[in-house]
PDB file of N, CA and C in Angstrom:
ATOM      1  N   MET A   1      66.065-137.952 -77.403  1.00  0.00           N
ATOM      2  CA  MET A   1      67.215-137.338 -76.801  1.00  0.00           C
ATOM      3  C   MET A   1      67.101-135.823 -76.929  1.00  0.00           C
ATOM      4  N   ALA A   2      67.316-135.107 -75.815  1.00  0.00           N
ATOM      5  CA  ALA A   2      67.201-133.660 -75.822  1.00  0.00           C
ATOM      6  C   ALA A   2      68.425-133.043 -76.478  1.00  0.00           C
ATOM      7  N   ILE A   3      68.182-131.956 -77.194  1.00  0.00           N
ATOM      8  CA  ILE A   3      69.272-131.238 -77.847  1.00  0.00           C
ATOM      9  C   ILE A   3      69.764-130.160 -76.893  1.00  0.00           C
ATOM     10  N   ARG A   4      71.066-130.171 -76.626  1.00  0.00           N
ATOM     11  CA  ARG A   4      71.656-129.163 -75.742  1.00  0.00           C
ATOM     12  C   ARG A   4      71.822-127.858 -76.498  1.00  0.00           C
ATOM     13  N   SER A   5      71.559-126.781 -75.782  1.00  0.00           N
ATOM     14  CA  SER A   5      71.725-125.456 -76.362  1.00  0.00           C
ATOM     15  C   SER A   5      73.215-125.155 -76.514  1.00  0.00           C
ATOM     16  N   LYS A   6      73.545-124.439 -77.566  1.00  0.00           N
ATOM     17  CA  LYS A   6      74.941-124.036 -77.767  1.00  0.00           C
ATOM     18  C   LYS A   6      75.276-122.827 -76.896  1.00  0.00           C
ATOM     19  N   ASP A   7      74.247-122.166 -76.376  1.00  0.00           N
ATOM     20  CA  ASP A   7      74.443-121.007 -75.503  1.00  0.00           C
ATOM     21  C   ASP A   7      74.518-121.515 -74.059  1.00  0.00           C
ATOM     22  N   PRO A   8      75.685-121.423 -73.407  1.00  0.00           N
ATOM     23  CA  PRO A   8      75.822-121.952 -72.045  1.00  0.00           C
ATOM     24  C   PRO A   8      74.889-121.264 -71.044  1.00  0.00           C
ATOM     25  N   PHE A   9      74.603-119.988 -71.241  1.00  0.00           N
ATOM     26  CA  PHE A   9      73.701-119.284 -70.344  1.00  0.00           C
ATOM     27  C   PHE A   9      72.300-119.899 -70.411  1.00  0.00           C
ATOM     28  N   LYS A  10      71.815-120.148 -71.637  1.00  0.00           N
ATOM     29  CA  LYS A  10      70.491-120.754 -71.804  1.00  0.00           C
ATOM     30  C   LYS A  10      70.464-122.178 -71.236  1.00  0.00           C
ATOM     31  N   ALA A  11      71.549-122.902 -71.398  1.00  0.00           N
ATOM     32  CA  ALA A  11      71.628-124.261 -70.865  1.00  0.00           C
ATOM     33  C   ALA A  11      71.556-124.236 -69.338  1.00  0.00           C
ATOM     34  N   ALA A  12      72.273-123.305 -68.726  1.00  0.00           N
ATOM     35  CA  ALA A  12      72.250-123.178 -67.262  1.00  0.00           C
ATOM     36  C   ALA A  12      70.871-122.752 -66.795  1.00  0.00           C
ATOM     37  N   GLU A  13      70.260-121.814 -67.470  1.00  0.00           N
ATOM     38  CA  GLU A  13      68.909-121.372 -67.116  1.00  0.00           C
ATOM     39  C   GLU A  13      67.925-122.542 -67.173  1.00  0.00           C
ATOM     40  N   ALA A  14      68.062-123.393 -68.170  1.00  0.00           N
ATOM     41  CA  ALA A  14      67.156-124.529 -68.306  1.00  0.00           C
ATOM     42  C   ALA A  14      67.316-125.501 -67.142  1.00  0.00           C
ATOM     43  N   VAL A  15      68.547-125.695 -66.697  1.00  0.00           N
ATOM     44  CA  VAL A  15      68.801-126.616 -65.588  1.00  0.00           C
ATOM     45  C   VAL A  15      68.248-126.051 -64.284  1.00  0.00           C
ATOM     46  N   PHE A  16      68.534-124.785 -64.018  1.00  0.00           N
ATOM     47  CA  PHE A  16      68.136-124.181 -62.744  1.00  0.00           C
ATOM     48  C   PHE A  16      66.671-123.773 -62.714  1.00  0.00           C
ATOM     49  N   ALA A  17      66.031-123.644 -63.856  1.00  0.00           N
ATOM     50  CA  ALA A  17      64.618-123.272 -63.893  1.00  0.00           C
ATOM     51  C   ALA A  17      63.777-124.313 -63.162  1.00  0.00           C
ATOM     52  N   LYS A  18      64.167-125.563 -63.242  1.00  0.00           N
ATOM     53  CA  LYS A  18      63.436-126.634 -62.578  1.00  0.00           C
ATOM     54  C   LYS A  18      63.553-126.522 -61.063  1.00  0.00           C
ATOM     55  N   LYS A  19      64.650-125.954 -60.572  1.00  0.00           N
ATOM     56  CA  LYS A  19      64.899-125.882 -59.136  1.00  0.00           C
ATOM     57  C   LYS A  19      64.301-124.636 -58.504  1.00  0.00           C
ATOM     58  N   ARG A  20      63.690-123.776 -59.262  1.00  0.00           N
ATOM     59  CA  ARG A  20      63.128-122.547 -58.731  1.00  0.00           C
ATOM     60  C   ARG A  20      61.771-122.754 -58.063  1.00  0.00           C
ATOM     61  N   GLU A  21      61.184-123.906 -58.272  1.00  0.00           N
ATOM     62  CA  GLU A  21      59.884-124.175 -57.665  1.00  0.00           C
ATOM     63  C   GLU A  21      60.034-124.161 -56.154  1.00  0.00           C
ATOM     64  N   PRO A  22      59.069-123.557 -55.439  1.00  0.00           N
ATOM     65  CA  PRO A  22      59.168-123.514 -53.981  1.00  0.00           C
ATOM     66  C   PRO A  22      59.090-124.912 -53.378  1.00  0.00           C
ATOM     67  N   ASP A  23      59.810-125.077 -52.279  1.00  0.00           N
ATOM     68  CA  ASP A  23      59.769-126.354 -51.584  1.00  0.00           C
ATOM     69  C   ASP A  23      58.388-126.550 -50.987  1.00  0.00           C
ATOM     70  N   PRO A  24      57.934-127.804 -50.912  1.00  0.00           N
ATOM     71  CA  PRO A  24      56.625-128.028 -50.301  1.00  0.00           C
ATOM     72  C   PRO A  24      56.647-127.598 -48.836  1.00  0.00           C
ATOM     73  N   LYS A  25      55.499-127.153 -48.343  1.00  0.00           N
ATOM     74  CA  LYS A  25      55.392-126.696 -46.962  1.00  0.00           C
ATOM     75  C   LYS A  25      55.677-127.872 -46.028  1.00  0.00           C
ATOM     76  N   PRO A  26      56.525-127.679 -45.009  1.00  0.00           N
ATOM     77  CA  PRO A  26      56.828-128.788 -44.097  1.00  0.00           C
ATOM     78  C   PRO A  26      55.579-129.219 -43.336  1.00  0.00           C
ATOM     79  N   ALA A  27      55.530-130.488 -43.003  1.00  0.00           N
ATOM     80  CA  ALA A  27      54.389-131.025 -42.283  1.00  0.00           C
ATOM     81  C   ALA A  27      54.300-130.404 -40.895  1.00  0.00           C
ATOM     82  N   THR A  28      53.082-130.133 -40.453  1.00  0.00           N
ATOM     83  CA  THR A  28      52.880-129.590 -39.114  1.00  0.00           C
ATOM     84  C   THR A  28      52.966-130.729 -38.114  1.00  0.00           C
ATOM     85  N   PRO A  29      53.730-130.542 -37.054  1.00  0.00           N
ATOM     86  CA  PRO A  29      53.827-131.608 -36.050  1.00  0.00           C
ATOM     87  C   PRO A  29      52.467-131.882 -35.408  1.00  0.00           C
ATOM     88  N   PRO A  30      52.240-133.110 -34.946  1.00  0.00           N
ATOM     89  CA  PRO A  30      50.970-133.412 -34.312  1.00  0.00           C
ATOM     90  C   PRO A  30      50.739-132.521 -33.099  1.00  0.00           C
ATOM     91  N   ALA A  31      49.501-132.124 -32.902  1.00  0.00           N
ATOM     92  CA  ALA A  31      49.080-131.292 -31.770  1.00  0.00           C
ATOM     93  C   ALA A  31      49.796-129.946 -31.752  1.00  0.00           C
ATOM     94  N   GLY A  32      50.340-129.534 -32.906  1.00  0.00           N
ATOM     95  CA  GLY A  32      50.984-128.236 -32.990  1.00  0.00           C
ATOM     96  C   GLY A  32      52.269-128.124 -32.191  1.00  0.00           C
ATOM     97  N   ARG A  33      52.874-129.217 -31.849  1.00  0.00           N
ATOM     98  CA  ARG A  33      54.125-129.176 -31.082  1.00  0.00           C
ATOM     99  C   ARG A  33      55.299-128.952 -32.007  1.00  0.00           C
ATOM    100  N   GLU A  34      56.340-128.361 -31.445  1.00  0.00           N
ATOM    101  CA  GLU A  34      57.547-128.084 -32.205  1.00  0.00           C
ATOM    102  C   GLU A  34      58.754-128.523 -31.397  1.00  0.00           C
ATOM    103  N   GLN A  35      59.689-129.162 -32.071  1.00  0.00           N
ATOM    104  CA  GLN A  35      60.898-129.609 -31.402  1.00  0.00           C
ATOM    105  C   GLN A  35      61.833-128.424 -31.215  1.00  0.00           C
ATOM    106  N   VAL A  36      62.323-128.253 -29.979  1.00  0.00           N
ATOM    107  CA  VAL A  36      63.240-127.163 -29.658  1.00  0.00           C
ATOM    108  C   VAL A  36      64.372-127.698 -28.795  1.00  0.00           C
ATOM    109  N   THR A  37      65.424-126.906 -28.696  1.00  0.00           N
ATOM    110  CA  THR A  37      66.502-127.207 -27.768  1.00  0.00           C
ATOM    111  C   THR A  37      66.349-126.242 -26.607  1.00  0.00           C
ATOM    112  N   LEU A  38      66.340-126.782 -25.407  1.00  0.00           N
ATOM    113  CA  LEU A  38      66.093-125.977 -24.218  1.00  0.00           C
ATOM    114  C   LEU A  38      67.089-126.359 -23.139  1.00  0.00           C
ATOM    115  N   ARG A  39      67.723-125.385 -22.542  1.00  0.00           N
ATOM    116  CA  ARG A  39      68.668-125.660 -21.456  1.00  0.00           C
ATOM    117  C   ARG A  39      67.929-125.506 -20.135  1.00  0.00           C
ATOM    118  N   ILE A  40      67.947-126.576 -19.332  1.00  0.00           N
ATOM    119  CA  ILE A  40      67.247-126.615 -18.049  1.00  0.00           C
ATOM    120  C   ILE A  40      68.258-127.026 -16.986  1.00  0.00           C
ATOM    121  N   ASP A  41      68.143-126.420 -15.799  1.00  0.00           N
ATOM    122  CA  ASP A  41      69.027-126.803 -14.699  1.00  0.00           C
ATOM    123  C   ASP A  41      68.887-128.298 -14.424  1.00  0.00           C
ATOM    124  N   ARG A  42      70.006-128.943 -14.107  1.00  0.00           N
ATOM    125  CA  ARG A  42      70.049-130.386 -13.894  1.00  0.00           C
ATOM    126  C   ARG A  42      69.020-130.835 -12.850  1.00  0.00           C
ATOM    127  N   ASP A  43      68.892-130.110 -11.725  1.00  0.00           N
ATOM    128  CA  ASP A  43      67.960-130.535 -10.673  1.00  0.00           C
ATOM    129  C   ASP A  43      66.510-130.460 -11.136  1.00  0.00           C
ATOM    130  N   VAL A  44      66.183-129.485 -11.983  1.00  0.00           N
ATOM    131  CA  VAL A  44      64.824-129.372 -12.517  1.00  0.00           C
ATOM    132  C   VAL A  44      64.542-130.546 -13.447  1.00  0.00           C
ATOM    133  N   LEU A  45      65.499-130.847 -14.309  1.00  0.00           N
ATOM    134  CA  LEU A  45      65.341-131.970 -15.235  1.00  0.00           C
ATOM    135  C   LEU A  45      65.191-133.284 -14.472  1.00  0.00           C
ATOM    136  N   GLU A  46      66.027-133.493 -13.466  1.00  0.00           N
ATOM    137  CA  GLU A  46      65.947-134.724 -12.675  1.00  0.00           C
ATOM    138  C   GLU A  46      64.594-134.845 -11.976  1.00  0.00           C
ATOM    139  N   HIS A  47      64.045-133.718 -11.524  1.00  0.00           N
ATOM    140  CA  HIS A  47      62.729-133.744 -10.878  1.00  0.00           C
ATOM    141  C   HIS A  47      61.673-134.313 -11.832  1.00  0.00           C
ATOM    142  N   PHE A  48      61.639-133.803 -13.068  1.00  0.00           N
ATOM    143  CA  PHE A  48      60.639-134.271 -14.032  1.00  0.00           C
ATOM    144  C   PHE A  48      60.927-135.692 -14.509  1.00  0.00           C
ATOM    145  N   GLN A  49      62.190-136.055 -14.651  1.00  0.00           N
ATOM    146  CA  GLN A  49      62.536-137.400 -15.117  1.00  0.00           C
ATOM    147  C   GLN A  49      62.370-138.452 -14.031  1.00  0.00           C
ATOM    148  N   SER A  50      62.341-138.046 -12.763  1.00  0.00           N
ATOM    149  CA  SER A  50      62.269-139.014 -11.663  1.00  0.00           C
ATOM    150  C   SER A  50      60.978-139.825 -11.673  1.00  0.00           C
ATOM    151  N   GLU A  51      59.937-139.300 -12.309  1.00  0.00           N
ATOM    152  CA  GLU A  51      58.664-140.013 -12.378  1.00  0.00           C
ATOM    153  C   GLU A  51      58.577-140.926 -13.591  1.00  0.00           C
ATOM    154  N   GLY A  52      59.649-141.026 -14.359  1.00  0.00           N
ATOM    155  CA  GLY A  52      59.694-141.956 -15.485  1.00  0.00           C
ATOM    156  C   GLY A  52      59.247-141.349 -16.798  1.00  0.00           C
ATOM    157  N   PRO A  53      58.880-142.227 -17.741  1.00  0.00           N
ATOM    158  CA  PRO A  53      58.482-141.769 -19.076  1.00  0.00           C
ATOM    159  C   PRO A  53      57.362-140.735 -19.002  1.00  0.00           C
ATOM    160  N   GLY A  54      57.374-139.834 -19.969  1.00  0.00           N
ATOM    161  CA  GLY A  54      56.381-138.775 -20.021  1.00  0.00           C
ATOM    162  C   GLY A  54      56.883-137.473 -19.423  1.00  0.00           C
ATOM    163  N   TRP A  55      58.167-137.428 -19.089  1.00  0.00           N
ATOM    164  CA  TRP A  55      58.713-136.241 -18.444  1.00  0.00           C
ATOM    165  C   TRP A  55      58.629-135.006 -19.327  1.00  0.00           C
ATOM    166  N   GLN A  56      58.739-135.176 -20.640  1.00  0.00           N
ATOM    167  CA  GLN A  56      58.626-134.018 -21.527  1.00  0.00           C
ATOM    168  C   GLN A  56      57.203-133.459 -21.496  1.00  0.00           C
ATOM    169  N   ASP A  57      56.222-134.358 -21.448  1.00  0.00           N
ATOM    170  CA  ASP A  57      54.828-133.914 -21.342  1.00  0.00           C
ATOM    171  C   ASP A  57      54.591-133.189 -20.021  1.00  0.00           C
ATOM    172  N   ARG A  58      55.212-133.663 -18.945  1.00  0.00           N
ATOM    173  CA  ARG A  58      55.045-133.005 -17.646  1.00  0.00           C
ATOM    174  C   ARG A  58      55.676-131.608 -17.651  1.00  0.00           C
ATOM    175  N   ILE A  59      56.824-131.472 -18.303  1.00  0.00           N
ATOM    176  CA  ILE A  59      57.431-130.143 -18.422  1.00  0.00           C
ATOM    177  C   ILE A  59      56.509-129.231 -19.225  1.00  0.00           C
ATOM    178  N   ASN A  60      55.964-129.753 -20.315  1.00  0.00           N
ATOM    179  CA  ASN A  60      55.061-128.960 -21.151  1.00  0.00           C
ATOM    180  C   ASN A  60      53.833-128.523 -20.350  1.00  0.00           C
ATOM    181  N   GLU A  61      53.272-129.434 -19.543  1.00  0.00           N
ATOM    182  CA  GLU A  61      52.108-129.102 -18.710  1.00  0.00           C
ATOM    183  C   GLU A  61      52.452-128.015 -17.697  1.00  0.00           C
ATOM    184  N   ALA A  62      53.618-128.110 -17.067  1.00  0.00           N
ATOM    185  CA  ALA A  62      54.035-127.107 -16.088  1.00  0.00           C
ATOM    186  C   ALA A  62      54.208-125.746 -16.755  1.00  0.00           C
ATOM    187  N   LEU A  63      54.817-125.735 -17.932  1.00  0.00           N
ATOM    188  CA  LEU A  63      54.996-124.476 -18.660  1.00  0.00           C
ATOM    189  C   LEU A  63      53.641-123.892 -19.077  1.00  0.00           C
ATOM    190  N   ARG A  64      52.723-124.759 -19.494  1.00  0.00           N
ATOM    191  CA  ARG A  64      51.391-124.307 -19.886  1.00  0.00           C
ATOM    192  C   ARG A  64      50.674-123.641 -18.714  1.00  0.00           C
ATOM    193  N   ARG A  65      50.774-124.236 -17.516  1.00  0.00           N
ATOM    194  CA  ARG A  65      50.128-123.649 -16.332  1.00  0.00           C
ATOM    195  C   ARG A  65      50.687-122.255 -16.050  1.00  0.00           C
ATOM    196  N   VAL A  66      51.990-122.095 -16.198  1.00  0.00           N
ATOM    197  CA  VAL A  66      52.611-120.787 -15.969  1.00  0.00           C
ATOM    198  C   VAL A  66      52.101-119.779 -17.006  1.00  0.00           C
ATOM    199  N   VAL A  67      52.046-120.186 -18.253  1.00  0.00           N
ATOM    200  CA  VAL A  67      51.612-119.286 -19.325  1.00  0.00           C
ATOM    201  C   VAL A  67      50.143-118.880 -19.125  1.00  0.00           C
ATOM    202  N   GLU A  68      49.311-119.839 -18.744  1.00  0.00           N
ATOM    203  CA  GLU A  68      47.885-119.552 -18.571  1.00  0.00           C
ATOM    204  C   GLU A  68      47.613-118.674 -17.356  1.00  0.00           C
ATOM    205  N   SER A  69      48.481-118.737 -16.354  1.00  0.00           N
ATOM    206  CA  SER A  69      48.268-117.927 -15.162  1.00  0.00           C
ATOM    207  C   SER A  69      48.852-116.513 -15.315  1.00  0.00           C
ATOM    208  N   ALA A  70      49.609-116.300 -16.372  1.00  0.00           N
ATOM    209  CA  ALA A  70      50.237-114.980 -16.576  1.00  0.00           C
ATOM    210  C   ALA A  70      49.257-113.961 -17.127  1.00  0.00           C
TER     211      ALA A  70
END
């Protein structure tokens, strides 16, 4: 059984000392992708969703083409 310090400051320091360790680095998403919130006009979204699943990948491909041509 651990003996508690009679000095409240030392007791608090002992408790919080354990929490000072840095948090582990967050995992990198696969393929370097990052989740974001993006506002897109309804008609643009419907265009990409009209072809079914994979619409997010199609938006990403379209954005990539624009970035590469800039």
